[in-house]
């Protein structure tokens, strides 16, 4: 739920600054998987909001931030220490 809120509010930079890699990975997963189609029937407003947020995510240049990329960055940061 927190990842969904981050995505809806476009707060990825704050999550990166906080170094909350688990949350960042979940945001990336949500964006990569897209809004669940079931929401279109059960909660159309949330479905539209998520679709809009995912579109802003991609248009904002965040497309390269995939779950795998987050994992690699975290691995590089931990191994570099």
PDB file of N, CA and C in Angstrom:
ATOM      1  N   UNK A   1       0.813  -1.181   0.000  1.00  0.00           N
ATOM      2  CA  UNK A   1       0.000   0.000   0.000  1.00  0.00           C
ATOM      3  C   UNK A   1       0.870   1.262   0.000  1.00  0.00           C
ATOM      4  N   UNK A   2       1.972   1.221   0.740  1.00  0.00           N
ATOM      5  CA  UNK A   2       2.867   2.382   0.793  1.00  0.00           C
ATOM      6  C   UNK A   2       3.486   2.639  -0.579  1.00  0.00           C
ATOM      7  N   UNK A   3       3.850   1.571  -1.282  1.00  0.00           N
ATOM      8  CA  UNK A   3       4.437   1.727  -2.612  1.00  0.00           C
ATOM      9  C   UNK A   3       3.434   2.352  -3.571  1.00  0.00           C
ATOM     10  N   UNK A   4       2.193   1.966  -3.446  1.00  0.00           N
ATOM     11  CA  UNK A   4       1.145   2.543  -4.280  1.00  0.00           C
ATOM     12  C   UNK A   4       1.010   4.038  -3.997  1.00  0.00           C
ATOM     13  N   UNK A   5       1.065   4.403  -2.736  1.00  0.00           N
ATOM     14  CA  UNK A   5       0.986   5.824  -2.368  1.00  0.00           C
ATOM     15  C   UNK A   5       2.169   6.615  -2.939  1.00  0.00           C
ATOM     16  N   UNK A   6       3.368   6.024  -2.878  1.00  0.00           N
ATOM     17  CA  UNK A   6       4.568   6.676  -3.431  1.00  0.00           C
ATOM     18  C   UNK A   6       4.393   6.890  -4.930  1.00  0.00           C
ATOM     19  N   UNK A   7       3.913   5.864  -5.601  1.00  0.00           N
ATOM     20  CA  UNK A   7       3.715   5.946  -7.047  1.00  0.00           C
ATOM     21  C   UNK A   7       2.668   7.003  -7.387  1.00  0.00           C
ATOM     22  N   UNK A   8       1.561   6.994  -6.663  1.00  0.00           N
ATOM     23  CA  UNK A   8       0.495   7.961  -6.933  1.00  0.00           C
ATOM     24  C   UNK A   8       0.951   9.400  -6.695  1.00  0.00           C
ATOM     25  N   UNK A   9       1.795   9.592  -5.698  1.00  0.00           N
ATOM     26  CA  UNK A   9       2.262  10.945  -5.361  1.00  0.00           C
ATOM     27  C   UNK A   9       3.543  11.325  -6.105  1.00  0.00           C
ATOM     28  N   UNK A  10       4.154  10.367  -6.808  1.00  0.00           N
ATOM     29  CA  UNK A  10       5.393  10.664  -7.525  1.00  0.00           C
ATOM     30  C   UNK A  10       6.551  10.970  -6.598  1.00  0.00           C
ATOM     31  N   UNK A  11       6.622  10.260  -5.475  1.00  0.00           N
ATOM     32  CA  UNK A  11       7.643  10.548  -4.469  1.00  0.00           C
ATOM     33  C   UNK A  11       8.872   9.643  -4.576  1.00  0.00           C
ATOM     34  N   UNK A  12       9.217   9.181  -5.766  1.00  0.00           N
ATOM     35  CA  UNK A  12      10.382   8.307  -5.933  1.00  0.00           C
ATOM     36  C   UNK A  12      11.681   8.972  -5.455  1.00  0.00           C
ATOM     37  N   UNK A  13      11.912  10.253  -5.762  1.00  0.00           N
ATOM     38  CA  UNK A  13      13.160  10.873  -5.283  1.00  0.00           C
ATOM     39  C   UNK A  13      13.298  10.835  -3.757  1.00  0.00           C
ATOM     40  N   UNK A  14      12.210  11.029  -3.044  1.00  0.00           N
ATOM     41  CA  UNK A  14      12.266  10.987  -1.576  1.00  0.00           C
ATOM     42  C   UNK A  14      12.612   9.593  -1.078  1.00  0.00           C
ATOM     43  N   UNK A  15      12.103   8.578  -1.759  1.00  0.00           N
ATOM     44  CA  UNK A  15      12.390   7.190  -1.372  1.00  0.00           C
ATOM     45  C   UNK A  15      13.857   6.870  -1.640  1.00  0.00           C
ATOM     46  N   UNK A  16      14.376   7.362  -2.754  1.00  0.00           N
ATOM     47  CA  UNK A  16      15.793   7.146  -3.076  1.00  0.00           C
ATOM     48  C   UNK A  16      16.656   7.872  -2.043  1.00  0.00           C
ATOM     49  N   UNK A  17      16.300   9.097  -1.719  1.00  0.00           N
ATOM     50  CA  UNK A  17      17.065   9.864  -0.735  1.00  0.00           C
ATOM     51  C   UNK A  17      17.078   9.161   0.624  1.00  0.00           C
ATOM     52  N   UNK A  18      15.962   8.525   0.978  1.00  0.00           N
ATOM     53  CA  UNK A  18      15.865   7.801   2.243  1.00  0.00           C
ATOM     54  C   UNK A  18      16.553   6.428   2.175  1.00  0.00           C
ATOM     55  N   UNK A  19      16.982   6.063   0.973  1.00  0.00           N
ATOM     56  CA  UNK A  19      17.630   4.766   0.744  1.00  0.00           C
ATOM     57  C   UNK A  19      16.758   3.598   1.193  1.00  0.00           C
ATOM     58  N   UNK A  20      15.456   3.730   0.931  1.00  0.00           N
ATOM     59  CA  UNK A  20      14.502   2.663   1.242  1.00  0.00           C
ATOM     60  C   UNK A  20      14.388   1.778   0.002  1.00  0.00           C
ATOM     61  N   UNK A  21      15.369   0.915  -0.170  1.00  0.00           N
ATOM     62  CA  UNK A  21      15.483   0.114  -1.388  1.00  0.00           C
ATOM     63  C   UNK A  21      14.327  -0.867  -1.536  1.00  0.00           C
ATOM     64  N   UNK A  22      13.846  -1.409  -0.453  1.00  0.00           N
ATOM     65  CA  UNK A  22      12.727  -2.356  -0.525  1.00  0.00           C
ATOM     66  C   UNK A  22      11.477  -1.657  -1.066  1.00  0.00           C
ATOM     67  N   UNK A  23      11.207  -0.470  -0.556  1.00  0.00           N
ATOM     68  CA  UNK A  23      10.056   0.298  -1.025  1.00  0.00           C
ATOM     69  C   UNK A  23      10.256   0.719  -2.481  1.00  0.00           C
ATOM     70  N   UNK A  24      11.446   1.144  -2.825  1.00  0.00           N
ATOM     71  CA  UNK A  24      11.733   1.541  -4.201  1.00  0.00           C
ATOM     72  C   UNK A  24      11.541   0.364  -5.157  1.00  0.00           C
ATOM     73  N   UNK A  25      11.988  -0.812  -4.731  1.00  0.00           N
ATOM     74  CA  UNK A  25      11.819  -2.013  -5.557  1.00  0.00           C
ATOM     75  C   UNK A  25      10.335  -2.317  -5.764  1.00  0.00           C
ATOM     76  N   UNK A  26       9.538  -2.152  -4.727  1.00  0.00           N
ATOM     77  CA  UNK A  26       8.102  -2.404  -4.831  1.00  0.00           C
ATOM     78  C   UNK A  26       7.422  -1.385  -5.746  1.00  0.00           C
ATOM     79  N   UNK A  27       7.837  -0.141  -5.683  1.00  0.00           N
ATOM     80  CA  UNK A  27       7.301   0.884  -6.592  1.00  0.00           C
ATOM     81  C   UNK A  27       7.640   0.505  -8.036  1.00  0.00           C
ATOM     82  N   UNK A  28       8.877   0.085  -8.259  1.00  0.00           N
ATOM     83  CA  UNK A  28       9.304  -0.326  -9.607  1.00  0.00           C
ATOM     84  C   UNK A  28       8.498  -1.529 -10.089  1.00  0.00           C
ATOM     85  N   UNK A  29       8.233  -2.460  -9.181  1.00  0.00           N
ATOM     86  CA  UNK A  29       7.443  -3.643  -9.546  1.00  0.00           C
ATOM     87  C   UNK A  29       6.027  -3.239  -9.943  1.00  0.00           C
ATOM     88  N   UNK A  30       5.422  -2.358  -9.158  1.00  0.00           N
ATOM     89  CA  UNK A  30       4.066  -1.896  -9.479  1.00  0.00           C
ATOM     90  C   UNK A  30       4.018  -1.232 -10.851  1.00  0.00           C
ATOM     91  N   UNK A  31       4.997  -0.384 -11.127  1.00  0.00           N
ATOM     92  CA  UNK A  31       5.031   0.317 -12.415  1.00  0.00           C
ATOM     93  C   UNK A  31       5.261  -0.664 -13.559  1.00  0.00           C
ATOM     94  N   UNK A  32       6.114  -1.646 -13.339  1.00  0.00           N
ATOM     95  CA  UNK A  32       6.423  -2.622 -14.379  1.00  0.00           C
ATOM     96  C   UNK A  32       5.222  -3.529 -14.677  1.00  0.00           C
ATOM     97  N   UNK A  33       4.494  -3.902 -13.640  1.00  0.00           N
ATOM     98  CA  UNK A  33       3.361  -4.813 -13.827  1.00  0.00           C
ATOM     99  C   UNK A  33       2.097  -4.097 -14.281  1.00  0.00           C
ATOM    100  N   UNK A  34       2.052  -2.773 -14.136  1.00  0.00           N
ATOM    101  CA  UNK A  34       0.907  -1.966 -14.530  1.00  0.00           C
ATOM    102  C   UNK A  34      -0.246  -2.136 -13.535  1.00  0.00           C
ATOM    103  N   UNK A  35      -1.249  -1.336 -13.676  1.00  0.00           N
ATOM    104  CA  UNK A  35      -2.402  -1.379 -12.776  1.00  0.00           C
ATOM    105  C   UNK A  35      -3.166  -2.680 -12.994  1.00  0.00           C
ATOM    106  N   UNK A  36      -3.532  -3.350 -11.908  1.00  0.00           N
ATOM    107  CA  UNK A  36      -4.285  -4.604 -12.045  1.00  0.00           C
ATOM    108  C   UNK A  36      -5.618  -4.359 -12.757  1.00  0.00           C
ATOM    109  N   UNK A  37      -5.868  -5.103 -13.806  1.00  0.00           N
ATOM    110  CA  UNK A  37      -7.078  -4.911 -14.613  1.00  0.00           C
ATOM    111  C   UNK A  37      -8.348  -5.125 -13.796  1.00  0.00           C
ATOM    112  N   UNK A  38      -8.261  -5.933 -12.736  1.00  0.00           N
ATOM    113  CA  UNK A  38      -9.433  -6.181 -11.893  1.00  0.00           C
ATOM    114  C   UNK A  38      -9.941  -4.885 -11.262  1.00  0.00           C
ATOM    115  N   UNK A  39      -9.024  -3.956 -11.032  1.00  0.00           N
ATOM    116  CA  UNK A  39      -9.417  -2.677 -10.437  1.00  0.00           C
ATOM    117  C   UNK A  39     -10.367  -1.888 -11.328  1.00  0.00           C
ATOM    118  N   UNK A  40     -10.310  -2.112 -12.628  1.00  0.00           N
ATOM    119  CA  UNK A  40     -11.187  -1.381 -13.540  1.00  0.00           C
ATOM    120  C   UNK A  40     -12.651  -1.647 -13.198  1.00  0.00           C
ATOM    121  N   UNK A  41     -12.939  -2.850 -12.693  1.00  0.00           N
ATOM    122  CA  UNK A  41     -14.311  -3.197 -12.330  1.00  0.00           C
ATOM    123  C   UNK A  41     -14.602  -2.907 -10.860  1.00  0.00           C
ATOM    124  N   UNK A  42     -13.617  -3.147  -9.998  1.00  0.00           N
ATOM    125  CA  UNK A  42     -13.870  -3.022  -8.559  1.00  0.00           C
ATOM    126  C   UNK A  42     -13.659  -1.611  -8.023  1.00  0.00           C
ATOM    127  N   UNK A  43     -12.707  -0.884  -8.600  1.00  0.00           N
ATOM    128  CA  UNK A  43     -12.424   0.492  -8.146  1.00  0.00           C
ATOM    129  C   UNK A  43     -11.903   1.303  -9.335  1.00  0.00           C
ATOM    130  N   UNK A  44     -12.826   1.696 -10.218  1.00  0.00           N
ATOM    131  CA  UNK A  44     -12.418   2.396 -11.441  1.00  0.00           C
ATOM    132  C   UNK A  44     -11.607   3.663 -11.203  1.00  0.00           C
ATOM    133  N   UNK A  45     -11.914   4.397 -10.140  1.00  0.00           N
ATOM    134  CA  UNK A  45     -11.176   5.635  -9.865  1.00  0.00           C
ATOM    135  C   UNK A  45      -9.728   5.328  -9.511  1.00  0.00           C
ATOM    136  N   UNK A  46      -9.496   4.318  -8.682  1.00  0.00           N
ATOM    137  CA  UNK A  46      -8.134   3.930  -8.327  1.00  0.00           C
ATOM    138  C   UNK A  46      -7.402   3.389  -9.548  1.00  0.00           C
ATOM    139  N   UNK A  47      -8.099   2.629 -10.374  1.00  0.00           N
ATOM    140  CA  UNK A  47      -7.487   2.102 -11.602  1.00  0.00           C
ATOM    141  C   UNK A  47      -6.994   3.249 -12.485  1.00  0.00           C
ATOM    142  N   UNK A  48      -7.830   4.240 -12.703  1.00  0.00           N
ATOM    143  CA  UNK A  48      -7.438   5.397 -13.533  1.00  0.00           C
ATOM    144  C   UNK A  48      -6.280   6.153 -12.892  1.00  0.00           C
ATOM    145  N   UNK A  49      -6.351   6.328 -11.577  1.00  0.00           N
ATOM    146  CA  UNK A  49      -5.280   7.050 -10.879  1.00  0.00           C
ATOM    147  C   UNK A  49      -3.948   6.300 -11.002  1.00  0.00           C
ATOM    148  N   UNK A  50      -3.980   4.985 -10.849  1.00  0.00           N
ATOM    149  CA  UNK A  50      -2.749   4.197 -10.991  1.00  0.00           C
ATOM    150  C   UNK A  50      -2.214   4.248 -12.417  1.00  0.00           C
ATOM    151  N   UNK A  51      -3.125   4.122 -13.392  1.00  0.00           N
ATOM    152  CA  UNK A  51      -2.691   4.200 -14.796  1.00  0.00           C
ATOM    153  C   UNK A  51      -2.044   5.555 -15.077  1.00  0.00           C
ATOM    154  N   UNK A  52      -2.638   6.613 -14.580  1.00  0.00           N
ATOM    155  CA  UNK A  52      -2.068   7.956 -14.762  1.00  0.00           C
ATOM    156  C   UNK A  52      -0.710   8.070 -14.070  1.00  0.00           C
ATOM    157  N   UNK A  53      -0.611   7.530 -12.855  1.00  0.00           N
ATOM    158  CA  UNK A  53       0.653   7.588 -12.104  1.00  0.00           C
ATOM    159  C   UNK A  53       1.745   6.794 -12.818  1.00  0.00           C
ATOM    160  N   UNK A  54       1.382   5.652 -13.377  1.00  0.00           N
ATOM    161  CA  UNK A  54       2.365   4.826 -14.092  1.00  0.00           C
ATOM    162  C   UNK A  54       2.810   5.539 -15.367  1.00  0.00           C
ATOM    163  N   UNK A  55       1.889   6.202 -16.029  1.00  0.00           N
ATOM    164  CA  UNK A  55       2.249   6.983 -17.213  1.00  0.00           C
ATOM    165  C   UNK A  55       3.210   8.109 -16.830  1.00  0.00           C
ATOM    166  N   UNK A  56       2.913   8.831 -15.736  1.00  0.00           N
ATOM    167  CA  UNK A  56       3.817   9.895 -15.267  1.00  0.00           C
ATOM    168  C   UNK A  56       5.180   9.315 -14.880  1.00  0.00           C
ATOM    169  N   UNK A  57       5.189   8.143 -14.285  1.00  0.00           N
ATOM    170  CA  UNK A  57       6.421   7.444 -13.914  1.00  0.00           C
ATOM    171  C   UNK A  57       7.302   7.275 -15.160  1.00  0.00           C
ATOM    172  N   UNK A  58       6.721   6.763 -16.229  1.00  0.00           N
ATOM    173  CA  UNK A  58       7.485   6.535 -17.459  1.00  0.00           C
ATOM    174  C   UNK A  58       7.868   7.841 -18.147  1.00  0.00           C
ATOM    175  N   UNK A  59       6.946   8.770 -18.226  1.00  0.00           N
ATOM    176  CA  UNK A  59       7.242  10.052 -18.862  1.00  0.00           C
ATOM    177  C   UNK A  59       8.277  10.850 -18.062  1.00  0.00           C
ATOM    178  N   UNK A  60       8.348  10.589 -16.772  1.00  0.00           N
ATOM    179  CA  UNK A  60       9.317  11.265 -15.917  1.00  0.00           C
ATOM    180  C   UNK A  60      10.715  10.676 -15.998  1.00  0.00           C
ATOM    181  N   UNK A  61      10.882   9.665 -16.843  1.00  0.00           N
ATOM    182  CA  UNK A  61      12.204   9.085 -17.043  1.00  0.00           C
ATOM    183  C   UNK A  61      12.557   7.967 -16.069  1.00  0.00           C
ATOM    184  N   UNK A  62      11.578   7.432 -15.366  1.00  0.00           N
ATOM    185  CA  UNK A  62      11.840   6.393 -14.372  1.00  0.00           C
ATOM    186  C   UNK A  62      11.773   4.977 -14.952  1.00  0.00           C
ATOM    187  N   UNK A  63      11.522   4.833 -16.240  1.00  0.00           N
ATOM    188  CA  UNK A  63      11.333   3.512 -16.847  1.00  0.00           C
ATOM    189  C   UNK A  63      12.502   2.565 -16.621  1.00  0.00           C
ATOM    190  N   UNK A  64      13.704   3.096 -16.524  1.00  0.00           N
ATOM    191  CA  UNK A  64      14.880   2.241 -16.313  1.00  0.00           C
ATOM    192  C   UNK A  64      14.930   1.682 -14.897  1.00  0.00           C
ATOM    193  N   UNK A  65      14.113   2.234 -14.011  1.00  0.00           N
ATOM    194  CA  UNK A  65      14.094   1.746 -12.635  1.00  0.00           C
ATOM    195  C   UNK A  65      13.150   0.542 -12.548  1.00  0.00           C
ATOM    196  N   UNK A  66      13.700  -0.615 -12.834  1.00  0.00           N
ATOM    197  CA  UNK A  66      12.962  -1.864 -12.735  1.00  0.00           C
ATOM    198  C   UNK A  66      13.363  -2.557 -11.433  1.00  0.00           C
ATOM    199  N   UNK A  67      12.605  -3.551 -11.007  1.00  0.00           N
ATOM    200  CA  UNK A  67      13.011  -4.286  -9.801  1.00  0.00           C
ATOM    201  C   UNK A  67      14.418  -4.871  -9.928  1.00  0.00           C
ATOM    202  N   UNK A  68      14.751  -5.399 -11.096  1.00  0.00           N
ATOM    203  CA  UNK A  68      16.097  -5.961 -11.300  1.00  0.00           C
ATOM    204  C   UNK A  68      17.170  -4.893 -11.194  1.00  0.00           C
ATOM    205  N   UNK A  69      16.897  -3.721 -11.735  1.00  0.00           N
ATOM    206  CA  UNK A  69      17.869  -2.619 -11.671  1.00  0.00           C
ATOM    207  C   UNK A  69      18.073  -2.153 -10.228  1.00  0.00           C
ATOM    208  N   UNK A  70      16.992  -2.069  -9.478  1.00  0.00           N
ATOM    209  CA  UNK A  70      17.105  -1.691  -8.064  1.00  0.00           C
ATOM    210  C   UNK A  70      17.960  -2.725  -7.330  1.00  0.00           C
ATOM    211  N   UNK A  71      17.715  -4.006  -7.593  1.00  0.00           N
ATOM    212  CA  UNK A  71      18.508  -5.073  -6.962  1.00  0.00           C
ATOM    213  C   UNK A  71      19.990  -4.934  -7.294  1.00  0.00           C
ATOM    214  N   UNK A  72      20.291  -4.635  -8.564  1.00  0.00           N
ATOM    215  CA  UNK A  72      21.691  -4.491  -8.978  1.00  0.00           C
ATOM    216  C   UNK A  72      22.352  -3.301  -8.292  1.00  0.00           C
ATOM    217  N   UNK A  73      21.645  -2.203  -8.202  1.00  0.00           N
ATOM    218  CA  UNK A  73      22.197  -1.011  -7.541  1.00  0.00           C
ATOM    219  C   UNK A  73      22.471  -1.309  -6.077  1.00  0.00           C
ATOM    220  N   UNK A  74      21.523  -1.951  -5.415  1.00  0.00           N
ATOM    221  CA  UNK A  74      21.701  -2.291  -4.003  1.00  0.00           C
ATOM    222  C   UNK A  74      22.891  -3.226  -3.830  1.00  0.00           C
ATOM    223  N   UNK A  75      23.018  -4.194  -4.720  1.00  0.00           N
ATOM    224  CA  UNK A  75      24.141  -5.131  -4.665  1.00  0.00           C
ATOM    225  C   UNK A  75      25.467  -4.389  -4.851  1.00  0.00           C
ATOM    226  N   UNK A  76      25.510  -3.482  -5.800  1.00  0.00           N
ATOM    227  CA  UNK A  76      26.730  -2.707  -6.036  1.00  0.00           C
ATOM    228  C   UNK A  76      27.081  -1.837  -4.826  1.00  0.00           C
ATOM    229  N   UNK A  77      26.054  -1.249  -4.225  1.00  0.00           N
ATOM    230  CA  UNK A  77      26.300  -0.413  -3.047  1.00  0.00           C
ATOM    231  C   UNK A  77      26.790  -1.238  -1.868  1.00  0.00           C
ATOM    232  N   UNK A  78      26.259  -2.422  -1.716  1.00  0.00           N
ATOM    233  CA  UNK A  78      26.679  -3.255  -0.572  1.00  0.00           C
ATOM    234  C   UNK A  78      28.048  -3.862  -0.801  1.00  0.00           C
ATOM    235  N   UNK A  79      28.355  -4.217  -2.014  1.00  0.00           N
ATOM    236  CA  UNK A  79      29.658  -4.811  -2.302  1.00  0.00           C
ATOM    237  C   UNK A  79      30.751  -3.767  -2.311  1.00  0.00           C
ATOM    238  N   UNK A  80      30.405  -2.524  -2.586  1.00  0.00           N
ATOM    239  CA  UNK A  80      31.366  -1.453  -2.634  1.00  0.00           C
ATOM    240  C   UNK A  80      31.849  -1.007  -1.259  1.00  0.00           C
ATOM    241  N   UNK A  81      31.183  -1.483  -0.243  1.00  0.00           N
ATOM    242  CA  UNK A  81      31.552  -1.067   1.130  1.00  0.00           C
ATOM    243  C   UNK A  81      32.644  -1.909   1.708  1.00  0.00           C
TER     244      UNK A  81
END
